[in-house]
């Protein structure tokens, strides 16, 4: 069974995909580009700001699922110019200081919306609590609204009770 993860602290999906999917204790974070979640604008022209925005978006999604960057086990980085890797790596090291995740870095010819980078991640966060309040606000119009708490089936984790809003 998989669960959709959503937070207002990361860009809203612009297509038929989810910010993250929690399945079997693993969180799969969709590729993040440098979009400011508050304004919806793409950050351009400052590689450091672009990198920080992408990593902050990933951090927000992982935290929305009840985890932290320490729980990230795998990262894939897509760069339009691999020559910028040293600059990316310096900033990346600030976010993953100890026990960094496994990582792949590839140079690509194009990325969505013409951005310079995209990063996706996998985290292992089994047994953590997921706060569904933002998720409910996002899915409510999609699902026609949740009319009562009986429509939210409880899911019991090792540590605390969570609620499944949508099984996909």
C-alpha atoms as a PDB file:
ATOM      1  CA  UNK A   1       0.000   0.000   0.000  1.00  0.00           C
ATOM      2  CA  UNK A   2       1.249   3.488  -0.750  1.00  0.00           C
ATOM      3  CA  UNK A   3       0.362   6.866   0.710  1.00  0.00           C
ATOM      4  CA  UNK A   4       0.556  10.268  -0.959  1.00  0.00           C
ATOM      5  CA  UNK A   5       2.645  12.865   0.907  1.00  0.00           C
ATOM      6  CA  UNK A   6       1.936  16.560   0.411  1.00  0.00           C
ATOM      7  CA  UNK A   7       3.160  19.771   2.047  1.00  0.00           C
ATOM      8  CA  UNK A   8       2.584  23.442   1.299  1.00  0.00           C
ATOM      9  CA  UNK A   9       6.287  23.943   2.147  1.00  0.00           C
ATOM     10  CA  UNK A  10       7.324  22.452  -1.209  1.00  0.00           C
ATOM     11  CA  UNK A  11       6.099  23.267  -4.726  1.00  0.00           C
ATOM     12  CA  UNK A  12       2.693  21.878  -5.646  1.00  0.00           C
ATOM     13  CA  UNK A  13       2.836  19.190  -8.337  1.00  0.00           C
ATOM     14  CA  UNK A  14       2.346  20.689 -11.784  1.00  0.00           C
ATOM     15  CA  UNK A  15       1.318  17.412 -13.380  1.00  0.00           C
ATOM     16  CA  UNK A  16       0.013  13.948 -12.589  1.00  0.00           C
ATOM     17  CA  UNK A  17       2.528  13.095  -9.867  1.00  0.00           C
ATOM     18  CA  UNK A  18       2.900  13.427  -6.102  1.00  0.00           C
ATOM     19  CA  UNK A  19       5.520  15.316  -4.115  1.00  0.00           C
ATOM     20  CA  UNK A  20       6.222  12.070  -2.325  1.00  0.00           C
ATOM     21  CA  UNK A  21       4.934   8.533  -1.934  1.00  0.00           C
ATOM     22  CA  UNK A  22       5.344   6.583   1.305  1.00  0.00           C
ATOM     23  CA  UNK A  23       5.418   2.826   0.698  1.00  0.00           C
ATOM     24  CA  UNK A  24       6.687   0.099   3.001  1.00  0.00           C
ATOM     25  CA  UNK A  25       8.626   2.533   5.195  1.00  0.00           C
ATOM     26  CA  UNK A  26      10.328   4.156   2.207  1.00  0.00           C
ATOM     27  CA  UNK A  27       9.550   7.672   1.047  1.00  0.00           C
ATOM     28  CA  UNK A  28      10.095   8.333  -2.650  1.00  0.00           C
ATOM     29  CA  UNK A  29      10.480  12.075  -3.248  1.00  0.00           C
ATOM     30  CA  UNK A  30       9.674  13.295  -6.754  1.00  0.00           C
ATOM     31  CA  UNK A  31      12.337  15.237  -8.632  1.00  0.00           C
ATOM     32  CA  UNK A  32      12.517  18.753  -7.227  1.00  0.00           C
ATOM     33  CA  UNK A  33      13.514  21.778  -9.255  1.00  0.00           C
ATOM     34  CA  UNK A  34      14.272  25.260  -7.868  1.00  0.00           C
ATOM     35  CA  UNK A  35      10.692  26.471  -7.459  1.00  0.00           C
ATOM     36  CA  UNK A  36       9.869  28.699  -4.506  1.00  0.00           C
ATOM     37  CA  UNK A  37       6.774  27.094  -2.924  1.00  0.00           C
ATOM     38  CA  UNK A  38       5.381  30.433  -1.709  1.00  0.00           C
ATOM     39  CA  UNK A  39       5.560  32.342  -4.984  1.00  0.00           C
ATOM     40  CA  UNK A  40       5.545  29.430  -7.436  1.00  0.00           C
ATOM     41  CA  UNK A  41       8.393  31.154  -9.262  1.00  0.00           C
ATOM     42  CA  UNK A  42      11.473  29.373 -10.575  1.00  0.00           C
ATOM     43  CA  UNK A  43      14.734  30.611  -9.075  1.00  0.00           C
ATOM     44  CA  UNK A  44      17.249  31.345 -11.840  1.00  0.00           C
ATOM     45  CA  UNK A  45      20.635  32.936 -12.243  1.00  0.00           C
ATOM     46  CA  UNK A  46      22.138  32.106  -8.847  1.00  0.00           C
ATOM     47  CA  UNK A  47      23.319  28.495  -8.689  1.00  0.00           C
ATOM     48  CA  UNK A  48      23.745  28.569  -4.905  1.00  0.00           C
ATOM     49  CA  UNK A  49      20.166  29.799  -4.357  1.00  0.00           C
ATOM     50  CA  UNK A  50      18.864  27.239  -6.871  1.00  0.00           C
ATOM     51  CA  UNK A  51      20.680  24.427  -5.048  1.00  0.00           C
ATOM     52  CA  UNK A  52      19.476  25.504  -1.615  1.00  0.00           C
ATOM     53  CA  UNK A  53      15.883  25.811  -2.843  1.00  0.00           C
ATOM     54  CA  UNK A  54      15.919  22.303  -4.309  1.00  0.00           C
ATOM     55  CA  UNK A  55      17.383  20.813  -1.106  1.00  0.00           C
ATOM     56  CA  UNK A  56      14.928  22.773   1.067  1.00  0.00           C
ATOM     57  CA  UNK A  57      12.045  21.425  -1.037  1.00  0.00           C
ATOM     58  CA  UNK A  58      13.279  17.868  -0.479  1.00  0.00           C
ATOM     59  CA  UNK A  59      13.746  18.540   3.233  1.00  0.00           C
ATOM     60  CA  UNK A  60      10.161  19.852   3.509  1.00  0.00           C
ATOM     61  CA  UNK A  61       8.687  16.759   1.848  1.00  0.00           C
ATOM     62  CA  UNK A  62      10.733  14.370   3.990  1.00  0.00           C
ATOM     63  CA  UNK A  63       9.726  16.270   7.136  1.00  0.00           C
ATOM     64  CA  UNK A  64       6.054  16.223   6.059  1.00  0.00           C
ATOM     65  CA  UNK A  65       6.283  12.428   6.054  1.00  0.00           C
ATOM     66  CA  UNK A  66       7.722  12.446   9.577  1.00  0.00           C
ATOM     67  CA  UNK A  67      11.383  12.087   8.693  1.00  0.00           C
ATOM     68  CA  UNK A  68      14.489  14.227   8.433  1.00  0.00           C
ATOM     69  CA  UNK A  69      17.374  14.528   6.000  1.00  0.00           C
ATOM     70  CA  UNK A  70      19.224  12.013   8.181  1.00  0.00           C
ATOM     71  CA  UNK A  71      16.698   9.435   6.936  1.00  0.00           C
ATOM     72  CA  UNK A  72      17.582   9.970   3.260  1.00  0.00           C
ATOM     73  CA  UNK A  73      19.299   6.858   1.894  1.00  0.00           C
ATOM     74  CA  UNK A  74      19.627   7.656  -1.841  1.00  0.00           C
ATOM     75  CA  UNK A  75      19.793  10.842  -3.918  1.00  0.00           C
ATOM     76  CA  UNK A  76      19.929  11.312  -7.679  1.00  0.00           C
ATOM     77  CA  UNK A  77      21.174  14.659  -8.978  1.00  0.00           C
ATOM     78  CA  UNK A  78      20.543  15.803 -12.545  1.00  0.00           C
ATOM     79  CA  UNK A  79      22.731  18.737 -13.674  1.00  0.00           C
ATOM     80  CA  UNK A  80      22.663  20.489 -17.046  1.00  0.00           C
ATOM     81  CA  UNK A  81      26.337  21.365 -16.513  1.00  0.00           C
ATOM     82  CA  UNK A  82      28.348  18.824 -14.544  1.00  0.00           C
ATOM     83  CA  UNK A  83      31.080  21.464 -14.353  1.00  0.00           C
ATOM     84  CA  UNK A  84      28.961  23.027 -11.591  1.00  0.00           C
ATOM     85  CA  UNK A  85      29.230  19.853  -9.526  1.00  0.00           C
ATOM     86  CA  UNK A  86      31.926  21.198  -7.134  1.00  0.00           C
ATOM     87  CA  UNK A  87      29.678  24.157  -6.235  1.00  0.00           C
ATOM     88  CA  UNK A  88      26.673  21.846  -5.848  1.00  0.00           C
ATOM     89  CA  UNK A  89      28.679  19.402  -3.748  1.00  0.00           C
ATOM     90  CA  UNK A  90      29.818  22.105  -1.318  1.00  0.00           C
ATOM     91  CA  UNK A  91      26.224  23.170  -0.588  1.00  0.00           C
ATOM     92  CA  UNK A  92      24.964  19.559  -0.575  1.00  0.00           C
ATOM     93  CA  UNK A  93      27.555  18.778   2.122  1.00  0.00           C
ATOM     94  CA  UNK A  94      25.947  21.381   4.387  1.00  0.00           C
ATOM     95  CA  UNK A  95      22.663  19.459   4.244  1.00  0.00           C
ATOM     96  CA  UNK A  96      24.135  15.952   4.567  1.00  0.00           C
ATOM     97  CA  UNK A  97      26.959  16.393   7.080  1.00  0.00           C
ATOM     98  CA  UNK A  98      27.211  12.942   8.666  1.00  0.00           C
ATOM     99  CA  UNK A  99      26.480   9.557   7.120  1.00  0.00           C
ATOM    100  CA  UNK A 100      25.467  11.029   3.758  1.00  0.00           C
ATOM    101  CA  UNK A 101      23.169   8.991   1.516  1.00  0.00           C
ATOM    102  CA  UNK A 102      24.253   7.038  -1.532  1.00  0.00           C
ATOM    103  CA  UNK A 103      24.229   9.367  -4.526  1.00  0.00           C
ATOM    104  CA  UNK A 104      24.292   9.422  -8.312  1.00  0.00           C
ATOM    105  CA  UNK A 105      25.120  12.595 -10.280  1.00  0.00           C
ATOM    106  CA  UNK A 106      24.430  12.747 -14.005  1.00  0.00           C
ATOM    107  CA  UNK A 107      24.680  15.465 -16.621  1.00  0.00           C
ATOM    108  CA  UNK A 108      21.575  15.859 -18.766  1.00  0.00           C
ATOM    109  CA  UNK A 109      20.802  17.907 -21.850  1.00  0.00           C
ATOM    110  CA  UNK A 110      17.430  19.283 -20.683  1.00  0.00           C
ATOM    111  CA  UNK A 111      15.298  19.468 -17.557  1.00  0.00           C
ATOM    112  CA  UNK A 112      11.692  20.513 -16.931  1.00  0.00           C
ATOM    113  CA  UNK A 113      11.030  24.255 -17.298  1.00  0.00           C
ATOM    114  CA  UNK A 114      14.605  24.764 -18.549  1.00  0.00           C
ATOM    115  CA  UNK A 115      16.127  24.656 -15.053  1.00  0.00           C
ATOM    116  CA  UNK A 116      19.777  23.850 -14.335  1.00  0.00           C
ATOM    117  CA  UNK A 117      19.171  21.024 -11.855  1.00  0.00           C
ATOM    118  CA  UNK A 118      16.710  18.509 -10.505  1.00  0.00           C
ATOM    119  CA  UNK A 119      17.160  16.250  -7.478  1.00  0.00           C
ATOM    120  CA  UNK A 120      15.095  13.301  -6.286  1.00  0.00           C
ATOM    121  CA  UNK A 121      15.511  11.277  -3.102  1.00  0.00           C
ATOM    122  CA  UNK A 122      14.555   8.126  -1.245  1.00  0.00           C
ATOM    123  CA  UNK A 123      14.266   8.119   2.548  1.00  0.00           C
ATOM    124  CA  UNK A 124      13.613   5.302   4.998  1.00  0.00           C
ATOM    125  CA  UNK A 125      11.214   6.533   7.672  1.00  0.00           C
ATOM    126  CA  UNK A 126       9.257   3.490   8.786  1.00  0.00           C
ATOM    127  CA  UNK A 127       7.351   3.991  12.010  1.00  0.00           C
ATOM    128  CA  UNK A 128       7.432   7.799  11.976  1.00  0.00           C
ATOM    129  CA  UNK A 129       4.314   9.918  12.395  1.00  0.00           C
ATOM    130  CA  UNK A 130       2.912  11.649   9.333  1.00  0.00           C
ATOM    131  CA  UNK A 131       0.949  14.852   9.994  1.00  0.00           C
ATOM    132  CA  UNK A 132      -1.952  14.706   7.573  1.00  0.00           C
ATOM    133  CA  UNK A 133      -3.285  18.233   8.161  1.00  0.00           C
ATOM    134  CA  UNK A 134      -1.674  19.750   5.044  1.00  0.00           C
ATOM    135  CA  UNK A 135      -2.362  16.586   3.081  1.00  0.00           C
ATOM    136  CA  UNK A 136      -6.069  16.770   4.014  1.00  0.00           C
ATOM    137  CA  UNK A 137      -6.268  20.414   2.884  1.00  0.00           C
ATOM    138  CA  UNK A 138      -4.705  19.458  -0.470  1.00  0.00           C
ATOM    139  CA  UNK A 139      -6.691  16.278  -1.089  1.00  0.00           C
ATOM    140  CA  UNK A 140     -10.050  17.481   0.214  1.00  0.00           C
ATOM    141  CA  UNK A 141     -11.023  19.256  -3.029  1.00  0.00           C
ATOM    142  CA  UNK A 142      -9.518  16.408  -5.051  1.00  0.00           C
ATOM    143  CA  UNK A 143     -11.558  13.758  -3.233  1.00  0.00           C
ATOM    144  CA  UNK A 144     -14.700  15.849  -2.921  1.00  0.00           C
ATOM    145  CA  UNK A 145     -14.046  16.648   0.723  1.00  0.00           C
ATOM    146  CA  UNK A 146     -13.778  14.414   3.735  1.00  0.00           C
ATOM    147  CA  UNK A 147     -17.136  14.542   5.468  1.00  0.00           C
ATOM    148  CA  UNK A 148     -16.340  12.701   8.686  1.00  0.00           C
ATOM    149  CA  UNK A 149     -13.505  11.127  10.631  1.00  0.00           C
ATOM    150  CA  UNK A 150     -14.992   7.704   9.832  1.00  0.00           C
ATOM    151  CA  UNK A 151     -13.898   8.231   6.235  1.00  0.00           C
ATOM    152  CA  UNK A 152     -10.279   8.368   7.369  1.00  0.00           C
ATOM    153  CA  UNK A 153      -9.099   4.829   8.033  1.00  0.00           C
ATOM    154  CA  UNK A 154      -6.539   4.642  10.878  1.00  0.00           C
ATOM    155  CA  UNK A 155      -3.086   3.251  10.165  1.00  0.00           C
ATOM    156  CA  UNK A 156      -1.051   2.146  13.167  1.00  0.00           C
ATOM    157  CA  UNK A 157       2.688   2.616  13.103  1.00  0.00           C
ATOM    158  CA  UNK A 158       5.271   1.345  15.552  1.00  0.00           C
ATOM    159  CA  UNK A 159       5.380   4.649  17.427  1.00  0.00           C
ATOM    160  CA  UNK A 160       2.080   6.496  17.004  1.00  0.00           C
ATOM    161  CA  UNK A 161      -1.272   6.462  15.249  1.00  0.00           C
ATOM    162  CA  UNK A 162      -1.429   7.958  11.752  1.00  0.00           C
ATOM    163  CA  UNK A 163      -4.337   8.312   9.357  1.00  0.00           C
ATOM    164  CA  UNK A 164      -4.491   7.200   5.771  1.00  0.00           C
ATOM    165  CA  UNK A 165      -6.297   9.778   3.664  1.00  0.00           C
ATOM    166  CA  UNK A 166      -5.860   8.113   0.339  1.00  0.00           C
ATOM    167  CA  UNK A 167      -4.657   4.665  -0.601  1.00  0.00           C
ATOM    168  CA  UNK A 168      -3.386   4.822  -4.156  1.00  0.00           C
END
